[in-house]
Amino acid sequence: MTASDKDLDAMIAEALDAEDRELLDRLGTEPGYFAQALGLFGGQLGWVMWVTYITNIAAAGLAIWSAWQMIGATDALAAIRWGVATLAAMQVGLFMKGFLGQQMQNNRVIREVKRLELQLVRSQARQAG
């Protein structure tokens, strides 16, 4: 976070009334990396994350095994074939890691949007009442 981001956060906190500040304090800060990562495996799409993670582990195992075979190959053509298999497995693993990371970022954005919705509803309720 840059200094200007911290200044902006401080200005937002000052603009909130005491009740909103108390609510945000109860909600707490953003969960840490590991809490967010483990949070991917719950909910309606948790099974998709499990399949993605298991595929990622299988691709890593395949990459290691094919790299070992490539190193032990005595024929140049066999070494090239195992090298291509290694690269393909690594690409699958990297794609899966990117997918999991993107989903984690999506969850962060959704969490913040829900906080904004809550603040808007509370503000509208105060104005109406």
N, C-alpha and C. Protein backbone atom coordinates (compact mmCIF):
# COMPACT_ATOMS: atom_id res chain seq x y z
N MET A 1 0.83 -1.16 0.00
CA MET A 1 0.00 0.00 0.00
C MET A 1 0.88 1.23 0.00
N THR A 2 0.58 2.19 -0.86
CA THR A 2 1.38 3.40 -0.93
C THR A 2 0.90 4.40 0.11
N ALA A 3 1.67 5.48 0.26
CA ALA A 3 1.30 6.51 1.24
C ALA A 3 -0.02 7.16 0.86
N SER A 4 -0.25 7.38 -0.43
CA SER A 4 -1.50 8.01 -0.86
C SER A 4 -2.70 7.10 -0.58
N ASP A 5 -2.51 5.77 -0.69
CA ASP A 5 -3.59 4.84 -0.34
C ASP A 5 -3.91 4.93 1.14
N LYS A 6 -2.89 5.03 1.97
CA LYS A 6 -3.11 5.15 3.41
C LYS A 6 -3.81 6.46 3.75
N ASP A 7 -3.41 7.54 3.05
CA ASP A 7 -4.07 8.82 3.27
C ASP A 7 -5.54 8.74 2.88
N LEU A 8 -5.83 8.09 1.78
CA LEU A 8 -7.20 7.92 1.32
C LEU A 8 -8.00 7.11 2.33
N ASP A 9 -7.41 6.04 2.84
CA ASP A 9 -8.09 5.23 3.86
C ASP A 9 -8.38 6.06 5.11
N ALA A 10 -7.44 6.91 5.50
CA ALA A 10 -7.64 7.76 6.67
C ALA A 10 -8.76 8.76 6.42
N MET A 11 -8.82 9.34 5.23
CA MET A 11 -9.89 10.29 4.91
C MET A 11 -11.25 9.60 4.90
N ILE A 12 -11.32 8.39 4.40
CA ILE A 12 -12.58 7.64 4.41
C ILE A 12 -13.00 7.35 5.85
N ALA A 13 -12.06 6.94 6.68
CA ALA A 13 -12.37 6.64 8.09
C ALA A 13 -12.88 7.88 8.81
N GLU A 14 -12.31 9.06 8.49
CA GLU A 14 -12.77 10.29 9.12
C GLU A 14 -14.18 10.66 8.66
N ALA A 15 -14.51 10.33 7.42
CA ALA A 15 -15.83 10.68 6.88
C ALA A 15 -16.94 9.81 7.46
N LEU A 16 -16.61 8.64 7.94
CA LEU A 16 -17.61 7.74 8.50
C LEU A 16 -18.02 8.20 9.89
N ASP A 17 -19.27 7.99 10.21
CA ASP A 17 -19.68 8.31 11.58
C ASP A 17 -19.24 7.19 12.52
N ALA A 18 -19.44 7.39 13.81
CA ALA A 18 -18.94 6.43 14.82
C ALA A 18 -19.57 5.06 14.66
N GLU A 19 -20.86 5.02 14.28
CA GLU A 19 -21.54 3.74 14.13
C GLU A 19 -20.95 2.93 12.98
N ASP A 20 -20.65 3.62 11.87
CA ASP A 20 -20.04 2.93 10.72
C ASP A 20 -18.63 2.45 11.06
N ARG A 21 -17.89 3.27 11.80
CA ARG A 21 -16.53 2.87 12.19
C ARG A 21 -16.57 1.63 13.08
N GLU A 22 -17.54 1.59 13.99
CA GLU A 22 -17.67 0.43 14.87
C GLU A 22 -18.01 -0.82 14.06
N LEU A 23 -18.90 -0.67 13.08
CA LEU A 23 -19.27 -1.81 12.24
C LEU A 23 -18.07 -2.32 11.45
N LEU A 24 -17.29 -1.42 10.87
CA LEU A 24 -16.11 -1.83 10.11
C LEU A 24 -15.07 -2.48 11.02
N ASP A 25 -14.96 -1.99 12.25
CA ASP A 25 -14.03 -2.62 13.20
C ASP A 25 -14.48 -4.03 13.55
N ARG A 26 -15.80 -4.24 13.67
CA ARG A 26 -16.32 -5.59 13.97
C ARG A 26 -16.08 -6.53 12.80
N LEU A 27 -16.20 -6.01 11.57
CA LEU A 27 -15.97 -6.85 10.40
C LEU A 27 -14.50 -7.22 10.30
N GLY A 28 -13.65 -6.39 10.85
CA GLY A 28 -12.23 -6.69 10.87
C GLY A 28 -11.53 -6.32 9.57
N THR A 29 -10.25 -6.59 9.57
CA THR A 29 -9.47 -6.29 8.38
C THR A 29 -9.59 -7.45 7.39
N GLU A 30 -8.99 -7.25 6.27
CA GLU A 30 -9.02 -8.28 5.23
C GLU A 30 -8.29 -9.53 5.73
N PRO A 31 -8.86 -10.72 5.48
CA PRO A 31 -8.19 -11.95 5.92
C PRO A 31 -6.82 -12.09 5.27
N GLY A 32 -5.94 -12.82 5.92
CA GLY A 32 -4.61 -13.06 5.39
C GLY A 32 -4.63 -13.98 4.18
N TYR A 33 -3.46 -14.16 3.60
CA TYR A 33 -3.35 -14.95 2.37
C TYR A 33 -3.85 -16.38 2.56
N PHE A 34 -3.41 -17.03 3.63
CA PHE A 34 -3.77 -18.43 3.82
C PHE A 34 -5.27 -18.59 4.11
N ALA A 35 -5.84 -17.65 4.85
CA ALA A 35 -7.29 -17.70 5.11
C ALA A 35 -8.06 -17.53 3.81
N GLN A 36 -7.59 -16.64 2.94
CA GLN A 36 -8.25 -16.45 1.65
C GLN A 36 -8.09 -17.68 0.77
N ALA A 37 -6.90 -18.27 0.78
CA ALA A 37 -6.66 -19.46 -0.05
C ALA A 37 -7.52 -20.62 0.41
N LEU A 38 -7.62 -20.83 1.71
CA LEU A 38 -8.45 -21.92 2.22
C LEU A 38 -9.93 -21.64 2.01
N GLY A 39 -10.29 -20.36 1.95
CA GLY A 39 -11.68 -19.98 1.70
C GLY A 39 -12.16 -20.34 0.30
N LEU A 40 -11.24 -20.61 -0.61
CA LEU A 40 -11.62 -20.98 -1.98
C LEU A 40 -12.35 -22.32 -2.03
N PHE A 41 -12.06 -23.18 -1.06
CA PHE A 41 -12.56 -24.56 -1.13
C PHE A 41 -13.93 -24.74 -0.50
N GLY A 42 -14.58 -23.67 -0.11
CA GLY A 42 -15.92 -23.75 0.45
C GLY A 42 -16.93 -23.12 -0.50
N GLY A 43 -18.17 -23.17 -0.14
CA GLY A 43 -19.21 -22.54 -0.93
C GLY A 43 -19.71 -23.44 -2.06
N GLN A 44 -20.53 -22.84 -2.91
CA GLN A 44 -21.15 -23.59 -4.00
C GLN A 44 -20.15 -24.09 -5.03
N LEU A 45 -19.09 -23.32 -5.25
CA LEU A 45 -18.10 -23.72 -6.27
C LEU A 45 -16.84 -24.32 -5.64
N GLY A 46 -16.94 -24.75 -4.41
CA GLY A 46 -15.79 -25.34 -3.75
C GLY A 46 -15.29 -26.58 -4.47
N TRP A 47 -16.19 -27.36 -5.02
CA TRP A 47 -15.78 -28.58 -5.73
C TRP A 47 -14.94 -28.25 -6.96
N VAL A 48 -15.24 -27.13 -7.61
CA VAL A 48 -14.44 -26.73 -8.77
C VAL A 48 -13.01 -26.41 -8.33
N MET A 49 -12.88 -25.74 -7.20
CA MET A 49 -11.55 -25.41 -6.69
C MET A 49 -10.79 -26.67 -6.30
N TRP A 50 -11.49 -27.66 -5.72
CA TRP A 50 -10.84 -28.92 -5.38
C TRP A 50 -10.34 -29.63 -6.63
N VAL A 51 -11.17 -29.67 -7.68
CA VAL A 51 -10.76 -30.31 -8.93
C VAL A 51 -9.56 -29.57 -9.53
N THR A 52 -9.60 -28.25 -9.48
CA THR A 52 -8.50 -27.45 -10.00
C THR A 52 -7.22 -27.72 -9.22
N TYR A 53 -7.32 -27.78 -7.90
CA TYR A 53 -6.15 -28.00 -7.07
C TYR A 53 -5.56 -29.39 -7.28
N ILE A 54 -6.44 -30.39 -7.36
CA ILE A 54 -5.97 -31.76 -7.59
C ILE A 54 -5.32 -31.87 -8.97
N THR A 55 -5.90 -31.21 -9.97
CA THR A 55 -5.30 -31.19 -11.31
C THR A 55 -3.94 -30.52 -11.27
N ASN A 56 -3.82 -29.46 -10.49
CA ASN A 56 -2.54 -28.77 -10.35
C ASN A 56 -1.49 -29.69 -9.73
N ILE A 57 -1.86 -30.44 -8.70
CA ILE A 57 -0.92 -31.37 -8.07
C ILE A 57 -0.53 -32.47 -9.05
N ALA A 58 -1.51 -32.99 -9.79
CA ALA A 58 -1.21 -34.04 -10.78
C ALA A 58 -0.28 -33.52 -11.87
N ALA A 59 -0.51 -32.28 -12.32
CA ALA A 59 0.36 -31.70 -13.34
C ALA A 59 1.77 -31.51 -12.81
N ALA A 60 1.90 -31.10 -11.55
CA ALA A 60 3.24 -30.94 -10.96
C ALA A 60 3.95 -32.29 -10.87
N GLY A 61 3.22 -33.32 -10.45
CA GLY A 61 3.81 -34.66 -10.39
C GLY A 61 4.23 -35.15 -11.76
N LEU A 62 3.38 -34.92 -12.76
CA LEU A 62 3.72 -35.32 -14.13
C LEU A 62 4.92 -34.55 -14.65
N ALA A 63 5.01 -33.27 -14.33
CA ALA A 63 6.15 -32.47 -14.77
C ALA A 63 7.45 -32.99 -14.15
N ILE A 64 7.41 -33.31 -12.88
CA ILE A 64 8.61 -33.83 -12.21
C ILE A 64 9.00 -35.18 -12.80
N TRP A 65 8.02 -36.05 -12.99
CA TRP A 65 8.31 -37.38 -13.53
C TRP A 65 8.85 -37.30 -14.96
N SER A 66 8.23 -36.47 -15.79
CA SER A 66 8.69 -36.38 -17.18
C SER A 66 10.05 -35.69 -17.26
N ALA A 67 10.32 -34.74 -16.36
CA ALA A 67 11.65 -34.12 -16.33
C ALA A 67 12.70 -35.15 -15.94
N TRP A 68 12.38 -36.02 -15.00
CA TRP A 68 13.29 -37.08 -14.60
C TRP A 68 13.56 -38.02 -15.77
N GLN A 69 12.50 -38.37 -16.51
CA GLN A 69 12.65 -39.22 -17.68
C GLN A 69 13.49 -38.54 -18.76
N MET A 70 13.30 -37.22 -18.91
CA MET A 70 14.06 -36.47 -19.91
C MET A 70 15.55 -36.50 -19.56
N ILE A 71 15.86 -36.30 -18.28
CA ILE A 71 17.26 -36.30 -17.86
C ILE A 71 17.90 -37.67 -18.08
N GLY A 72 17.12 -38.74 -17.87
CA GLY A 72 17.66 -40.09 -18.00
C GLY A 72 17.61 -40.65 -19.41
N ALA A 73 17.02 -39.90 -20.35
CA ALA A 73 16.91 -40.41 -21.72
C ALA A 73 18.29 -40.45 -22.39
N THR A 74 18.52 -41.55 -23.13
CA THR A 74 19.80 -41.69 -23.83
C THR A 74 19.68 -41.24 -25.28
N ASP A 75 18.49 -41.24 -25.82
CA ASP A 75 18.25 -40.84 -27.20
C ASP A 75 17.79 -39.38 -27.22
N ALA A 76 18.30 -38.61 -28.17
CA ALA A 76 17.95 -37.18 -28.25
C ALA A 76 16.46 -36.99 -28.53
N LEU A 77 15.89 -37.81 -29.41
CA LEU A 77 14.47 -37.69 -29.73
C LEU A 77 13.60 -37.99 -28.50
N ALA A 78 13.96 -38.99 -27.74
CA ALA A 78 13.21 -39.30 -26.52
C ALA A 78 13.33 -38.16 -25.51
N ALA A 79 14.51 -37.57 -25.40
CA ALA A 79 14.71 -36.45 -24.48
C ALA A 79 13.84 -35.26 -24.89
N ILE A 80 13.74 -35.02 -26.19
CA ILE A 80 12.90 -33.92 -26.67
C ILE A 80 11.42 -34.20 -26.36
N ARG A 81 11.00 -35.43 -26.58
CA ARG A 81 9.60 -35.79 -26.29
C ARG A 81 9.29 -35.62 -24.80
N TRP A 82 10.18 -36.08 -23.94
CA TRP A 82 9.96 -35.91 -22.51
C TRP A 82 10.03 -34.43 -22.12
N GLY A 83 10.87 -33.68 -22.79
CA GLY A 83 10.95 -32.23 -22.53
C GLY A 83 9.65 -31.53 -22.89
N VAL A 84 9.07 -31.91 -24.02
CA VAL A 84 7.79 -31.32 -24.41
C VAL A 84 6.70 -31.70 -23.41
N ALA A 85 6.72 -32.95 -22.94
CA ALA A 85 5.75 -33.38 -21.93
C ALA A 85 5.94 -32.58 -20.63
N THR A 86 7.19 -32.33 -20.28
CA THR A 86 7.47 -31.54 -19.09
C THR A 86 6.91 -30.13 -19.24
N LEU A 87 7.17 -29.50 -20.37
CA LEU A 87 6.66 -28.15 -20.60
C LEU A 87 5.14 -28.10 -20.61
N ALA A 88 4.51 -29.09 -21.23
CA ALA A 88 3.04 -29.13 -21.27
C ALA A 88 2.46 -29.26 -19.87
N ALA A 89 3.04 -30.14 -19.06
CA ALA A 89 2.56 -30.31 -17.68
C ALA A 89 2.77 -29.05 -16.86
N MET A 90 3.90 -28.38 -17.07
CA MET A 90 4.15 -27.13 -16.36
C MET A 90 3.16 -26.06 -16.77
N GLN A 91 2.82 -26.00 -18.05
CA GLN A 91 1.83 -25.03 -18.52
C GLN A 91 0.47 -25.27 -17.88
N VAL A 92 0.06 -26.52 -17.78
CA VAL A 92 -1.21 -26.85 -17.14
C VAL A 92 -1.18 -26.41 -15.68
N GLY A 93 -0.09 -26.70 -14.99
CA GLY A 93 0.04 -26.30 -13.59
C GLY A 93 0.00 -24.79 -13.41
N LEU A 94 0.70 -24.07 -14.27
CA LEU A 94 0.70 -22.60 -14.18
C LEU A 94 -0.68 -22.03 -14.48
N PHE A 95 -1.39 -22.62 -15.43
CA PHE A 95 -2.74 -22.18 -15.74
C PHE A 95 -3.65 -22.37 -14.52
N MET A 96 -3.53 -23.51 -13.87
CA MET A 96 -4.37 -23.79 -12.71
C MET A 96 -4.04 -22.83 -11.56
N LYS A 97 -2.77 -22.54 -11.35
CA LYS A 97 -2.39 -21.59 -10.30
C LYS A 97 -2.94 -20.21 -10.61
N GLY A 98 -2.89 -19.81 -11.86
CA GLY A 98 -3.46 -18.52 -12.26
C GLY A 98 -4.96 -18.47 -12.03
N PHE A 99 -5.63 -19.57 -12.31
CA PHE A 99 -7.07 -19.64 -12.09
C PHE A 99 -7.40 -19.49 -10.62
N LEU A 100 -6.67 -20.19 -9.76
CA LEU A 100 -6.90 -20.11 -8.32
C LEU A 100 -6.62 -18.69 -7.81
N GLY A 101 -5.55 -18.08 -8.29
CA GLY A 101 -5.22 -16.72 -7.88
C GLY A 101 -6.27 -15.72 -8.32
N GLN A 102 -6.78 -15.88 -9.53
CA GLN A 102 -7.82 -14.98 -10.03
C GLN A 102 -9.09 -15.13 -9.21
N GLN A 103 -9.44 -16.34 -8.83
CA GLN A 103 -10.63 -16.57 -8.02
C GLN A 103 -10.47 -15.93 -6.64
N MET A 104 -9.26 -16.00 -6.10
CA MET A 104 -9.01 -15.37 -4.81
C MET A 104 -9.19 -13.85 -4.92
N GLN A 105 -8.71 -13.26 -6.00
CA GLN A 105 -8.89 -11.82 -6.22
C GLN A 105 -10.37 -11.49 -6.40
N ASN A 106 -11.10 -12.32 -7.11
CA ASN A 106 -12.54 -12.10 -7.27
C ASN A 106 -13.25 -12.09 -5.92
N ASN A 107 -12.87 -13.02 -5.04
CA ASN A 107 -13.47 -13.07 -3.71
C ASN A 107 -13.18 -11.81 -2.91
N ARG A 108 -11.98 -11.26 -3.06
CA ARG A 108 -11.64 -10.02 -2.37
C ARG A 108 -12.51 -8.87 -2.86
N VAL A 109 -12.70 -8.78 -4.16
CA VAL A 109 -13.51 -7.70 -4.73
C VAL A 109 -14.97 -7.85 -4.28
N ILE A 110 -15.49 -9.06 -4.31
CA ILE A 110 -16.87 -9.30 -3.88
C ILE A 110 -17.05 -8.92 -2.41
N ARG A 111 -16.07 -9.24 -1.57
CA ARG A 111 -16.14 -8.89 -0.15
C ARG A 111 -16.24 -7.38 0.03
N GLU A 112 -15.43 -6.63 -0.73
CA GLU A 112 -15.45 -5.17 -0.61
C GLU A 112 -16.74 -4.59 -1.16
N VAL A 113 -17.28 -5.15 -2.23
CA VAL A 113 -18.55 -4.68 -2.77
C VAL A 113 -19.67 -4.90 -1.75
N LYS A 114 -19.64 -6.02 -1.06
CA LYS A 114 -20.65 -6.29 -0.03
C LYS A 114 -20.53 -5.29 1.11
N ARG A 115 -19.32 -4.91 1.47
CA ARG A 115 -19.15 -3.89 2.51
C ARG A 115 -19.74 -2.56 2.05
N LEU A 116 -19.50 -2.20 0.78
CA LEU A 116 -20.07 -0.97 0.24
C LEU A 116 -21.59 -1.03 0.23
N GLU A 117 -22.14 -2.16 -0.15
CA GLU A 117 -23.60 -2.32 -0.14
C GLU A 117 -24.15 -2.13 1.26
N LEU A 118 -23.50 -2.69 2.24
CA LEU A 118 -23.93 -2.55 3.62
C LEU A 118 -23.91 -1.09 4.05
N GLN A 119 -22.86 -0.38 3.70
CA GLN A 119 -22.78 1.03 4.06
C GLN A 119 -23.86 1.84 3.36
N LEU A 120 -24.14 1.53 2.10
CA LEU A 120 -25.20 2.25 1.38
C LEU A 120 -26.57 1.99 2.00
N VAL A 121 -26.85 0.75 2.33
CA VAL A 121 -28.14 0.42 2.93
C VAL A 121 -28.29 1.11 4.28
N ARG A 122 -27.24 1.11 5.07
CA ARG A 122 -27.29 1.78 6.38
C ARG A 122 -27.48 3.27 6.22
N SER A 123 -26.82 3.85 5.23
CA SER A 123 -26.97 5.29 4.98
C SER A 123 -28.39 5.62 4.54
N GLN A 124 -28.95 4.81 3.66
CA GLN A 124 -30.32 5.04 3.21
C GLN A 124 -31.31 4.86 4.35
N ALA A 125 -31.06 3.90 5.22
CA ALA A 125 -31.96 3.68 6.36
C ALA A 125 -31.90 4.88 7.32
N ARG A 126 -30.74 5.47 7.52
CA ARG A 126 -30.62 6.64 8.39
C ARG A 126 -31.34 7.84 7.79
N GLN A 127 -31.22 8.00 6.46
CA GLN A 127 -31.88 9.13 5.81
C GLN A 127 -33.39 8.98 5.81
N ALA A 128 -33.88 7.75 5.68
CA ALA A 128 -35.32 7.52 5.65
C ALA A 128 -35.93 7.61 7.04
N GLY A 129 -35.16 7.25 8.05
CA GLY A 129 -35.70 7.17 9.41
C GLY A 129 -35.39 8.33 10.24
